[in-house]
Amino acid sequence: MNTKLTVTINSFSYKRSIPFDKSGNGGGFVFDCRAIPNPGRIEAYKDLTGKDNAIITFLDNEPEMKQFLELVFKIVDQSVRIYVEREFTSLMVNFGCTGGQHRSVYSAENLAKHLAGNSNIIININHIELEKKGIN
């Protein structure tokens, strides 16, 4: 069959809800980023997102974020490998935080970069809160 695995990566706000799996398969991962220090609590960072350099630098320097992503990468890598072997077509990975703007966006972007070299997968990334606000 040789169909590629589509990995959908979402960032979202827990104030709304966990994203719905449009593939119809259900499941996937939901990672809670709220244990990581929140740059959104700093006035200068409130209007920024996890794609902005100041937030990236802030979170790059948080040991908790580094450890969190190392563990996320391990568990997602395992599932991607097995899903590809079994010719599954869909995997959803969600990152949630309070507002869906800083930590979850940063985490989703980093997972997408981490997976980018895998030629067996297609990556779709959605920043649900940013899209609702019209932010790219």
N, C-alpha and C. Protein backbone atom coordinates (compact mmCIF):
# COMPACT_ATOMS: atom_id res chain seq x y z
N MET A 1 0.82 -1.20 0.00
CA MET A 1 0.00 0.00 0.00
C MET A 1 0.86 1.26 0.00
N ASN A 2 1.82 1.37 0.89
CA ASN A 2 2.82 2.43 0.91
C ASN A 2 2.23 3.85 1.01
N THR A 3 1.24 4.04 1.86
CA THR A 3 0.66 5.36 2.11
C THR A 3 1.42 6.01 3.25
N LYS A 4 1.70 7.29 3.11
CA LYS A 4 2.42 8.00 4.16
C LYS A 4 1.52 8.26 5.37
N LEU A 5 2.16 8.32 6.51
CA LEU A 5 1.49 8.67 7.76
C LEU A 5 1.37 10.19 7.83
N THR A 6 0.17 10.69 8.09
CA THR A 6 -0.03 12.11 8.32
C THR A 6 -0.04 12.36 9.82
N VAL A 7 0.90 13.17 10.28
CA VAL A 7 0.97 13.55 11.68
C VAL A 7 0.41 14.97 11.79
N THR A 8 -0.72 15.09 12.47
CA THR A 8 -1.34 16.39 12.70
C THR A 8 -0.94 16.87 14.08
N ILE A 9 -0.31 18.03 14.13
CA ILE A 9 0.17 18.60 15.38
C ILE A 9 -0.64 19.87 15.65
N ASN A 10 -1.30 19.90 16.81
CA ASN A 10 -2.13 21.04 17.18
C ASN A 10 -1.63 21.69 18.46
N SER A 11 -1.71 23.01 18.50
CA SER A 11 -1.60 23.73 19.78
C SER A 11 -3.00 24.26 20.08
N PHE A 12 -3.35 24.28 21.36
CA PHE A 12 -4.70 24.69 21.73
C PHE A 12 -4.72 25.25 23.14
N SER A 13 -5.85 25.85 23.51
CA SER A 13 -6.08 26.37 24.85
C SER A 13 -7.01 25.44 25.61
N TYR A 14 -6.63 25.10 26.82
CA TYR A 14 -7.51 24.30 27.68
C TYR A 14 -8.77 25.06 28.06
N LYS A 15 -8.78 26.39 27.89
CA LYS A 15 -9.97 27.17 28.19
C LYS A 15 -11.11 26.81 27.24
N ARG A 16 -10.78 26.27 26.09
CA ARG A 16 -11.80 25.85 25.12
C ARG A 16 -12.00 24.34 25.25
N SER A 17 -11.24 23.57 24.47
CA SER A 17 -11.34 22.12 24.58
C SER A 17 -10.21 21.45 23.81
N ILE A 18 -10.04 20.17 24.07
CA ILE A 18 -9.05 19.38 23.34
C ILE A 18 -9.53 19.25 21.90
N PRO A 19 -8.65 19.40 20.91
CA PRO A 19 -9.07 19.33 19.51
C PRO A 19 -9.70 17.99 19.14
N PHE A 20 -10.67 18.06 18.25
CA PHE A 20 -11.38 16.90 17.74
C PHE A 20 -10.55 16.26 16.63
N ASP A 21 -10.47 14.93 16.64
CA ASP A 21 -9.72 14.21 15.62
C ASP A 21 -10.59 14.03 14.38
N LYS A 22 -10.31 14.82 13.35
CA LYS A 22 -11.10 14.79 12.12
C LYS A 22 -10.86 13.54 11.28
N SER A 23 -9.83 12.77 11.61
CA SER A 23 -9.53 11.56 10.83
C SER A 23 -10.57 10.46 11.09
N GLY A 24 -11.26 10.57 12.21
CA GLY A 24 -12.23 9.55 12.57
C GLY A 24 -11.63 8.39 13.34
N ASN A 25 -10.31 8.40 13.52
CA ASN A 25 -9.64 7.31 14.23
C ASN A 25 -9.65 7.47 15.74
N GLY A 26 -9.79 8.70 16.20
CA GLY A 26 -9.70 8.96 17.63
C GLY A 26 -8.28 8.72 18.13
N GLY A 27 -8.07 8.97 19.39
CA GLY A 27 -6.77 8.68 19.98
C GLY A 27 -5.74 9.76 19.71
N GLY A 28 -4.50 9.35 19.72
CA GLY A 28 -3.41 10.29 19.59
C GLY A 28 -2.93 10.73 20.97
N PHE A 29 -2.20 11.81 20.99
CA PHE A 29 -1.60 12.30 22.23
C PHE A 29 -2.12 13.68 22.58
N VAL A 30 -2.24 13.93 23.89
CA VAL A 30 -2.53 15.26 24.41
C VAL A 30 -1.49 15.54 25.48
N PHE A 31 -0.64 16.51 25.23
CA PHE A 31 0.40 16.89 26.17
C PHE A 31 0.06 18.23 26.81
N ASP A 32 0.14 18.26 28.13
CA ASP A 32 -0.22 19.44 28.91
C ASP A 32 1.05 20.25 29.21
N CYS A 33 1.12 21.44 28.66
CA CYS A 33 2.29 22.29 28.81
C CYS A 33 2.21 23.24 30.01
N ARG A 34 1.15 23.15 30.79
CA ARG A 34 0.93 24.12 31.86
C ARG A 34 1.92 24.01 33.02
N ALA A 35 2.69 22.93 33.11
CA ALA A 35 3.70 22.82 34.17
C ALA A 35 4.96 23.63 33.84
N ILE A 36 5.08 24.04 32.59
CA ILE A 36 6.24 24.82 32.14
C ILE A 36 5.99 26.29 32.52
N PRO A 37 7.02 27.01 32.99
CA PRO A 37 6.83 28.43 33.29
C PRO A 37 6.19 29.18 32.11
N ASN A 38 5.24 30.04 32.40
CA ASN A 38 4.43 30.70 31.39
C ASN A 38 4.97 32.10 31.06
N PRO A 39 5.53 32.28 29.86
CA PRO A 39 5.99 33.62 29.50
C PRO A 39 4.84 34.62 29.35
N GLY A 40 3.63 34.12 29.16
CA GLY A 40 2.47 34.99 29.04
C GLY A 40 2.15 35.77 30.31
N ARG A 41 2.76 35.39 31.41
CA ARG A 41 2.56 36.11 32.68
C ARG A 41 3.49 37.31 32.80
N ILE A 42 4.39 37.45 31.84
CA ILE A 42 5.31 38.58 31.82
C ILE A 42 4.73 39.62 30.86
N GLU A 43 4.52 40.81 31.33
CA GLU A 43 3.82 41.85 30.56
C GLU A 43 4.39 42.04 29.16
N ALA A 44 5.70 42.07 29.03
CA ALA A 44 6.34 42.30 27.73
C ALA A 44 6.07 41.16 26.73
N TYR A 45 5.67 39.99 27.22
CA TYR A 45 5.47 38.82 26.36
C TYR A 45 4.00 38.50 26.08
N LYS A 46 3.09 39.19 26.74
CA LYS A 46 1.66 38.83 26.65
C LYS A 46 1.14 38.77 25.22
N ASP A 47 1.53 39.71 24.38
CA ASP A 47 1.01 39.76 23.01
C ASP A 47 1.85 38.96 22.01
N LEU A 48 2.90 38.34 22.48
CA LEU A 48 3.75 37.53 21.60
C LEU A 48 3.23 36.11 21.55
N THR A 49 3.81 35.29 20.68
CA THR A 49 3.43 33.89 20.57
C THR A 49 4.67 33.01 20.64
N GLY A 50 4.44 31.71 20.68
CA GLY A 50 5.53 30.75 20.71
C GLY A 50 6.36 30.71 19.44
N LYS A 51 6.01 31.53 18.46
CA LYS A 51 6.79 31.64 17.22
C LYS A 51 7.72 32.86 17.25
N ASP A 52 7.53 33.72 18.23
CA ASP A 52 8.34 34.94 18.32
C ASP A 52 9.67 34.66 19.02
N ASN A 53 10.72 35.33 18.55
CA ASN A 53 12.07 35.08 19.05
C ASN A 53 12.20 35.25 20.56
N ALA A 54 11.55 36.25 21.12
CA ALA A 54 11.66 36.47 22.57
C ALA A 54 11.09 35.30 23.35
N ILE A 55 9.98 34.73 22.88
CA ILE A 55 9.37 33.57 23.55
C ILE A 55 10.22 32.33 23.32
N ILE A 56 10.72 32.18 22.12
CA ILE A 56 11.58 31.03 21.81
C ILE A 56 12.80 31.05 22.74
N THR A 57 13.43 32.20 22.87
CA THR A 57 14.60 32.33 23.76
C THR A 57 14.23 32.03 25.20
N PHE A 58 13.11 32.59 25.65
CA PHE A 58 12.64 32.35 27.02
C PHE A 58 12.46 30.85 27.27
N LEU A 59 11.74 30.17 26.37
CA LEU A 59 11.45 28.74 26.58
C LEU A 59 12.65 27.85 26.30
N ASP A 60 13.53 28.26 25.39
CA ASP A 60 14.78 27.52 25.16
C ASP A 60 15.62 27.45 26.43
N ASN A 61 15.47 28.46 27.28
CA ASN A 61 16.28 28.54 28.51
C ASN A 61 15.58 27.95 29.73
N GLU A 62 14.42 27.35 29.54
CA GLU A 62 13.70 26.71 30.65
C GLU A 62 14.04 25.22 30.69
N PRO A 63 14.75 24.76 31.74
CA PRO A 63 15.11 23.34 31.83
C PRO A 63 13.89 22.42 31.78
N GLU A 64 12.77 22.85 32.34
CA GLU A 64 11.56 22.02 32.34
C GLU A 64 11.06 21.80 30.91
N MET A 65 11.17 22.83 30.07
CA MET A 65 10.72 22.69 28.68
C MET A 65 11.63 21.72 27.92
N LYS A 66 12.91 21.83 28.14
CA LYS A 66 13.85 20.94 27.46
C LYS A 66 13.56 19.48 27.83
N GLN A 67 13.39 19.20 29.11
CA GLN A 67 13.10 17.84 29.55
C GLN A 67 11.75 17.36 29.02
N PHE A 68 10.75 18.22 29.07
CA PHE A 68 9.41 17.90 28.57
C PHE A 68 9.48 17.48 27.10
N LEU A 69 10.15 18.30 26.27
CA LEU A 69 10.21 17.98 24.85
C LEU A 69 11.03 16.73 24.56
N GLU A 70 12.09 16.49 25.31
CA GLU A 70 12.86 15.26 25.12
C GLU A 70 11.96 14.03 25.33
N LEU A 71 11.13 14.07 26.36
CA LEU A 71 10.23 12.95 26.63
C LEU A 71 9.14 12.84 25.57
N VAL A 72 8.58 13.97 25.16
CA VAL A 72 7.57 13.98 24.09
C VAL A 72 8.16 13.38 22.81
N PHE A 73 9.35 13.82 22.44
CA PHE A 73 9.97 13.31 21.21
C PHE A 73 10.13 11.79 21.26
N LYS A 74 10.54 11.27 22.41
CA LYS A 74 10.73 9.82 22.53
C LYS A 74 9.44 9.05 22.31
N ILE A 75 8.37 9.48 22.96
CA ILE A 75 7.12 8.72 22.85
C ILE A 75 6.49 8.90 21.47
N VAL A 76 6.58 10.10 20.90
CA VAL A 76 6.03 10.31 19.56
C VAL A 76 6.86 9.56 18.52
N ASP A 77 8.18 9.59 18.65
CA ASP A 77 9.04 8.85 17.71
C ASP A 77 8.69 7.37 17.70
N GLN A 78 8.46 6.81 18.87
CA GLN A 78 8.10 5.39 18.96
C GLN A 78 6.79 5.13 18.20
N SER A 79 5.79 5.95 18.44
CA SER A 79 4.51 5.74 17.77
C SER A 79 4.64 5.96 16.26
N VAL A 80 5.35 6.98 15.85
CA VAL A 80 5.53 7.22 14.41
C VAL A 80 6.18 6.00 13.76
N ARG A 81 7.23 5.48 14.36
CA ARG A 81 7.90 4.31 13.80
C ARG A 81 6.94 3.13 13.65
N ILE A 82 6.19 2.86 14.69
CA ILE A 82 5.26 1.73 14.67
C ILE A 82 4.10 1.99 13.71
N TYR A 83 3.58 3.20 13.72
CA TYR A 83 2.47 3.53 12.81
C TYR A 83 2.90 3.39 11.35
N VAL A 84 4.11 3.82 11.03
CA VAL A 84 4.62 3.68 9.66
C VAL A 84 4.76 2.20 9.31
N GLU A 85 5.35 1.42 10.22
CA GLU A 85 5.49 -0.04 9.98
C GLU A 85 4.15 -0.70 9.74
N ARG A 86 3.13 -0.28 10.48
CA ARG A 86 1.80 -0.89 10.37
C ARG A 86 0.93 -0.25 9.30
N GLU A 87 1.51 0.74 8.58
CA GLU A 87 0.83 1.46 7.51
C GLU A 87 -0.43 2.19 7.96
N PHE A 88 -0.38 2.72 9.20
CA PHE A 88 -1.44 3.59 9.67
C PHE A 88 -1.33 4.90 8.88
N THR A 89 -2.41 5.62 8.77
CA THR A 89 -2.40 6.84 7.96
C THR A 89 -2.53 8.13 8.77
N SER A 90 -2.80 8.02 10.07
CA SER A 90 -3.07 9.24 10.83
C SER A 90 -2.62 9.13 12.29
N LEU A 91 -1.98 10.19 12.76
CA LEU A 91 -1.62 10.33 14.17
C LEU A 91 -1.81 11.80 14.53
N MET A 92 -2.50 12.05 15.63
CA MET A 92 -2.71 13.42 16.09
C MET A 92 -1.94 13.63 17.39
N VAL A 93 -1.24 14.76 17.47
CA VAL A 93 -0.48 15.14 18.66
C VAL A 93 -0.92 16.56 19.03
N ASN A 94 -1.41 16.71 20.25
CA ASN A 94 -1.92 18.00 20.72
C ASN A 94 -1.09 18.52 21.89
N PHE A 95 -0.86 19.82 21.87
CA PHE A 95 -0.18 20.50 22.97
C PHE A 95 -1.12 21.58 23.50
N GLY A 96 -1.47 21.48 24.77
CA GLY A 96 -2.37 22.46 25.36
C GLY A 96 -1.68 23.27 26.44
N CYS A 97 -2.09 24.52 26.56
CA CYS A 97 -1.67 25.36 27.67
C CYS A 97 -2.82 26.29 28.00
N THR A 98 -2.61 27.22 28.87
CA THR A 98 -3.70 28.05 29.35
C THR A 98 -4.37 28.83 28.22
N GLY A 99 -3.58 29.58 27.47
CA GLY A 99 -4.15 30.42 26.42
C GLY A 99 -3.92 29.91 25.01
N GLY A 100 -3.11 28.86 24.85
CA GLY A 100 -2.85 28.33 23.51
C GLY A 100 -2.02 29.25 22.65
N GLN A 101 -1.16 30.04 23.27
CA GLN A 101 -0.44 31.07 22.52
C GLN A 101 1.08 30.99 22.65
N HIS A 102 1.58 30.55 23.80
CA HIS A 102 3.02 30.57 24.03
C HIS A 102 3.61 29.16 24.09
N ARG A 103 3.41 28.47 25.21
CA ARG A 103 4.06 27.17 25.44
C ARG A 103 3.59 26.10 24.48
N SER A 104 2.29 26.03 24.21
CA SER A 104 1.78 25.00 23.31
C SER A 104 2.24 25.24 21.88
N VAL A 105 2.27 26.49 21.46
CA VAL A 105 2.73 26.82 20.11
C VAL A 105 4.20 26.47 19.97
N TYR A 106 4.99 26.88 20.93
CA TYR A 106 6.43 26.56 20.94
C TYR A 106 6.65 25.04 20.86
N SER A 107 5.90 24.29 21.65
CA SER A 107 6.05 22.83 21.67
C SER A 107 5.66 22.21 20.34
N ALA A 108 4.55 22.66 19.78
CA ALA A 108 4.10 22.13 18.49
C ALA A 108 5.13 22.43 17.39
N GLU A 109 5.64 23.63 17.37
CA GLU A 109 6.65 24.00 16.37
C GLU A 109 7.91 23.15 16.51
N ASN A 110 8.31 22.90 17.75
CA ASN A 110 9.52 22.09 17.98
C ASN A 110 9.31 20.64 17.58
N LEU A 111 8.14 20.08 17.85
CA LEU A 111 7.87 18.71 17.40
C LEU A 111 7.87 18.65 15.88
N ALA A 112 7.28 19.62 15.23
CA ALA A 112 7.25 19.63 13.76
C ALA A 112 8.68 19.67 13.20
N LYS A 113 9.55 20.50 13.79
CA LYS A 113 10.96 20.55 13.37
C LYS A 113 11.65 19.21 13.61
N HIS A 114 11.37 18.62 14.76
CA HIS A 114 11.98 17.34 15.11
C HIS A 114 11.60 16.25 14.11
N LEU A 115 10.35 16.24 13.67
CA LEU A 115 9.87 15.20 12.76
C LEU A 115 10.14 15.51 11.29
N ALA A 116 10.54 16.72 10.99
CA ALA A 116 10.65 17.18 9.61
C ALA A 116 11.55 16.32 8.72
N GLY A 117 12.54 15.68 9.27
CA GLY A 117 13.45 14.88 8.45
C GLY A 117 12.94 13.50 8.09
N ASN A 118 11.78 13.12 8.60
CA ASN A 118 11.24 11.78 8.35
C ASN A 118 10.47 11.78 7.04
N SER A 119 11.00 11.09 6.03
CA SER A 119 10.38 11.09 4.70
C SER A 119 9.15 10.19 4.62
N ASN A 120 8.87 9.45 5.68
CA ASN A 120 7.70 8.56 5.69
C ASN A 120 6.43 9.24 6.18
N ILE A 121 6.54 10.53 6.52
CA ILE A 121 5.37 11.20 7.10
C ILE A 121 5.10 12.55 6.43
N ILE A 122 3.87 12.96 6.56
CA ILE A 122 3.42 14.30 6.17
C ILE A 122 3.03 14.99 7.48
N ILE A 123 3.47 16.22 7.65
CA ILE A 123 3.19 16.96 8.88
C ILE A 123 2.20 18.08 8.59
N ASN A 124 1.12 18.10 9.35
CA ASN A 124 0.17 19.22 9.33
C ASN A 124 0.22 19.86 10.70
N ILE A 125 0.41 21.17 10.74
CA ILE A 125 0.47 21.86 12.02
C ILE A 125 -0.61 22.93 12.08
N ASN A 126 -1.33 22.95 13.20
CA ASN A 126 -2.41 23.89 13.41
C ASN A 126 -2.26 24.56 14.77
N HIS A 127 -2.31 25.87 14.76
CA HIS A 127 -2.28 26.63 16.02
C HIS A 127 -3.69 27.20 16.19
N ILE A 128 -4.52 26.47 16.86
CA ILE A 128 -5.95 26.73 16.90
C ILE A 128 -6.27 28.13 17.45
N GLU A 129 -5.67 28.50 18.56
CA GLU A 129 -5.96 29.82 19.14
C GLU A 129 -5.41 30.95 18.27
N LEU A 130 -4.22 30.75 17.72
CA LEU A 130 -3.66 31.79 16.86
C LEU A 130 -4.51 31.98 15.62
N GLU A 131 -4.99 30.87 15.05
CA GLU A 131 -5.85 30.94 13.87
C GLU A 131 -7.15 31.68 14.20
N LYS A 132 -7.72 31.43 15.38
CA LYS A 132 -8.96 32.12 15.79
C LYS A 132 -8.73 33.62 15.91
N LYS A 133 -7.50 34.01 16.30
CA LYS A 133 -7.17 35.43 16.46
C LYS A 133 -6.64 36.04 15.16
N GLY A 134 -6.49 35.22 14.12
CA GLY A 134 -5.97 35.73 12.85
C GLY A 134 -4.48 35.98 12.86
N ILE A 135 -3.77 35.27 13.75
CA ILE A 135 -2.31 35.40 13.86
C ILE A 135 -1.67 34.23 13.11
N ASN A 136 -0.69 34.54 12.27
CA ASN A 136 0.03 33.48 11.55
C ASN A 136 1.07 32.95 12.46
